[in-house]
Protein backbone atom coordinates (compact mmCIF):
# COMPACT_ATOMS: atom_id res chain seq x y z
CA MET A 1 0.04 0.04 -0.06
CA GLU A 2 1.19 3.55 -0.65
CA SER A 3 0.15 7.13 -0.35
CA GLU A 4 1.27 10.41 -1.80
CA GLU A 5 0.75 13.85 -0.13
CA ILE A 6 2.69 17.15 -0.48
CA ASP A 7 0.93 18.53 2.46
CA ASP A 8 2.81 18.07 5.75
CA ALA A 9 -0.52 17.96 7.89
CA MET A 10 -1.99 15.28 5.73
CA ARG A 11 1.18 13.34 5.74
CA ALA A 12 1.11 13.29 9.56
CA SER A 13 -2.53 12.11 9.62
CA LEU A 14 -1.68 9.27 7.17
CA SER A 15 0.93 8.22 9.60
CA VAL A 16 -1.47 7.79 12.28
CA ASN A 17 -4.04 6.23 10.23
CA LEU A 18 -2.35 3.84 7.90
CA PRO A 19 -0.53 0.75 8.50
CA THR A 20 3.36 1.31 9.18
CA SER A 21 4.05 -0.83 6.11
CA THR A 22 2.41 1.85 3.85
CA CYS A 23 4.83 4.01 1.82
CA GLN A 24 4.21 7.73 1.95
CA PHE A 25 5.65 9.53 -1.21
CA LYS A 26 5.71 13.27 -1.40
CA ASN A 27 5.23 14.31 -4.97
CA ILE A 28 3.89 12.13 -7.71
CA LEU A 29 6.06 13.91 -10.34
CA GLU A 30 9.04 12.10 -8.72
CA ILE A 31 7.95 8.94 -10.84
CA TRP A 32 9.85 10.91 -13.55
CA GLY A 33 12.97 11.75 -11.57
CA ASP A 34 13.24 15.38 -10.52
CA PRO A 35 9.67 16.72 -10.10
CA HIS A 36 10.76 20.22 -10.66
CA GLU A 37 12.31 19.45 -14.06
CA ALA A 38 9.44 17.24 -15.12
CA SER A 39 7.02 19.96 -14.22
CA THR A 40 9.01 22.67 -16.01
CA LEU A 41 9.27 20.33 -19.22
CA ILE A 42 5.56 19.62 -19.35
CA LYS A 43 4.59 23.25 -18.50
CA GLY A 44 6.87 24.54 -21.18
CA ALA A 45 5.11 22.66 -23.89
CA GLU A 46 2.88 24.86 -26.01
CA SER A 47 -0.28 22.81 -26.57
CA TYR A 48 -2.23 20.18 -24.37
CA GLU A 49 -1.42 17.46 -26.81
CA GLU A 50 2.29 18.22 -26.53
CA LYS A 51 2.18 17.81 -22.73
CA VAL A 52 0.37 14.64 -23.09
CA SER A 53 2.97 13.43 -25.45
CA LEU A 54 5.90 14.45 -23.27
CA SER A 55 4.32 12.69 -20.22
CA LYS A 56 4.45 9.44 -22.11
CA GLN A 57 8.13 9.89 -23.13
CA LEU A 58 9.41 10.73 -19.72
CA ALA A 59 11.36 7.68 -18.19
CA PHE A 60 9.68 6.08 -15.11
CA HIS A 61 11.61 5.88 -11.93
CA PRO A 62 10.49 2.80 -9.94
CA GLN A 63 11.70 4.12 -6.57
CA CYS A 64 10.94 7.40 -4.91
CA TRP A 65 11.69 9.00 -1.23
CA CYS A 66 9.46 7.32 1.33
CA PHE A 67 8.76 9.47 4.49
CA ALA A 68 7.39 6.41 6.41
CA HIS A 69 10.57 4.47 5.92
CA ASN A 70 13.08 7.28 5.46
CA ARG A 71 14.58 5.79 2.60
CA PHE A 72 13.88 5.13 -1.06
CA CYS A 73 11.10 2.59 -1.57
CA ASP A 74 9.75 0.80 -4.80
CA VAL A 75 6.63 2.42 -6.23
CA ASP A 76 4.08 -0.21 -5.59
CA SER A 77 3.64 -2.40 -8.54
CA THR A 78 1.29 -4.79 -6.96
CA SER A 79 -1.74 -2.69 -6.49
CA ASP A 80 -4.91 -3.93 -8.47
CA VAL A 81 -6.89 -0.99 -7.37
CA ARG A 82 -5.68 2.66 -7.18
CA ALA A 83 -7.63 5.43 -5.59
CA GLN A 84 -6.30 8.70 -6.68
CA GLY A 85 -7.56 12.31 -5.98
CA ILE A 86 -5.50 14.38 -8.28
CA PRO A 87 -5.73 18.22 -7.58
CA CYS A 88 -8.98 19.74 -8.70
CA VAL A 89 -7.82 23.37 -8.70
CA ASP A 90 -7.52 23.25 -12.68
CA TRP A 91 -11.17 22.35 -13.01
CA SER A 92 -12.70 24.08 -9.98
CA GLN A 93 -14.55 27.42 -10.05
CA ALA A 94 -12.08 28.42 -7.19
CA GLY A 95 -9.33 27.76 -9.64
CA LEU A 96 -11.04 29.76 -12.37
CA GLY A 97 -11.67 26.69 -14.40
CA LEU A 98 -8.35 26.84 -16.35
CA GLY A 99 -8.67 23.06 -17.27
CA VAL A 100 -5.89 21.76 -19.28
CA ASN A 101 -4.37 25.14 -19.19
CA GLY A 102 -4.09 25.05 -15.38
CA PRO A 103 -1.02 24.93 -13.25
CA LEU A 104 -1.40 21.29 -12.06
CA LEU A 105 -2.13 19.36 -15.25
CA GLU A 106 1.09 17.44 -15.00
CA THR A 107 -0.02 15.87 -11.69
CA ALA A 108 -2.99 14.26 -13.64
CA LEU A 109 -0.65 13.05 -16.41
CA ALA A 110 1.86 11.60 -13.65
CA ALA A 111 -1.16 9.78 -11.90
CA GLY A 112 -1.93 8.24 -15.42
CA ALA A 113 1.60 7.28 -16.13
CA LYS A 114 1.92 5.68 -12.53
CA ALA A 115 -1.15 3.59 -13.06
CA GLN A 116 0.11 2.43 -16.67
CA GLU A 117 3.52 1.75 -15.36
CA THR A 118 2.41 -0.30 -12.30
CA ARG A 119 -0.21 -2.26 -14.12
CA THR A 120 -2.95 -1.10 -12.02
CA THR A 121 -6.11 -2.95 -13.00
CA MET A 122 -8.82 -0.48 -11.66
CA VAL A 123 -8.52 3.30 -11.01
CA ILE A 124 -10.93 5.32 -8.89
CA LEU A 125 -10.36 8.95 -9.76
CA GLU A 126 -12.03 11.66 -7.51
CA ASN A 127 -12.39 15.05 -8.77
CA VAL A 128 -14.74 18.02 -9.32
CA ARG A 129 -17.75 17.84 -11.75
CA ASN A 130 -16.00 19.97 -14.25
CA PHE A 131 -13.07 17.67 -14.58
CA LYS A 132 -12.96 16.41 -18.07
CA GLN A 133 -13.06 12.60 -18.78
CA HIS A 134 -10.78 13.14 -21.84
CA VAL A 135 -7.95 14.18 -19.57
CA ALA A 136 -8.27 10.67 -17.64
CA GLU A 137 -8.36 8.98 -21.12
CA ASP A 138 -5.28 10.73 -22.42
CA ALA A 139 -3.29 10.42 -19.11
CA TYR A 140 -4.15 6.79 -18.43
CA GLY A 141 -4.03 5.43 -21.92
CA GLU A 142 -6.42 3.52 -24.03
CA SER A 143 -6.28 0.42 -21.94
CA PHE A 144 -8.83 1.78 -19.56
CA ASP A 145 -12.51 1.95 -19.89
CA TRP A 146 -14.04 4.86 -17.91
CA GLN A 147 -17.48 5.26 -16.27
CA ARG A 148 -18.39 8.52 -14.64
CA GLU A 149 -20.56 8.67 -11.52
CA LEU A 150 -21.63 11.55 -9.28
CA VAL A 151 -21.74 10.75 -5.67
CA ASP A 152 -23.31 12.56 -2.72
CA PRO A 153 -20.30 13.20 -0.26
CA ALA A 154 -22.33 12.07 2.71
CA ASP A 155 -22.55 8.53 1.05
CA VAL A 156 -18.83 8.05 1.13
CA GLY A 157 -18.17 9.60 4.75
CA PHE A 158 -17.76 13.26 3.64
CA GLU A 159 -20.94 14.84 5.05
CA PHE A 160 -19.27 18.03 6.02
CA THR A 161 -17.55 18.72 2.56
CA ALA A 162 -18.14 22.13 0.99
CA ARG A 163 -19.03 20.53 -2.32
CA GLN A 164 -22.57 19.30 -2.79
CA ARG A 165 -21.32 16.44 -5.21
CA ILE A 166 -18.13 14.34 -5.59
CA ASP A 167 -17.38 13.24 -9.16
CA PHE A 168 -15.83 9.75 -9.43
CA LEU A 169 -14.35 8.27 -12.51
CA PHE A 170 -13.97 4.34 -12.44
CA GLY A 171 -11.49 3.01 -14.92
CA ASN A 172 -11.13 -0.53 -15.61
CA LYS A 173 -8.51 -2.33 -17.84
CA PHE A 174 -10.13 -3.99 -20.73
């Protein structure tokens, strides 16, 4: 099992609530080596299509720094199901709805690359309603079949969330 979280407070919470065997990685962009270099490269591309293409050309790094074990750990390659909540800022009203032109697109592309490289069978991808399914399709590749479902946050244990609906994409490999 593994988790990724840039936020120190969330990482501390994960340390308390997850088994000690769970790896805790900081930045999903580390799957491409230096996260700053990967981000700069993808953000420097002129079009959305070029960004997607670049994300597929970057070399996958099978180990990342793990805060739980204070060493480099293997990126889990045995997960059949991967639950991911990529940042919603690019698609939310609060983030001005910049979509594929937003500042965090590369995290969606990295999430897809990680699922492909680790041969994940099923992905549960949570985001806001404005998140475009074609981004998941482009990031995760053609081997996933996507189904979109709106879920009331209270139905999944988030009764105090500010949003009225949570949007899940369920991706299954063919």
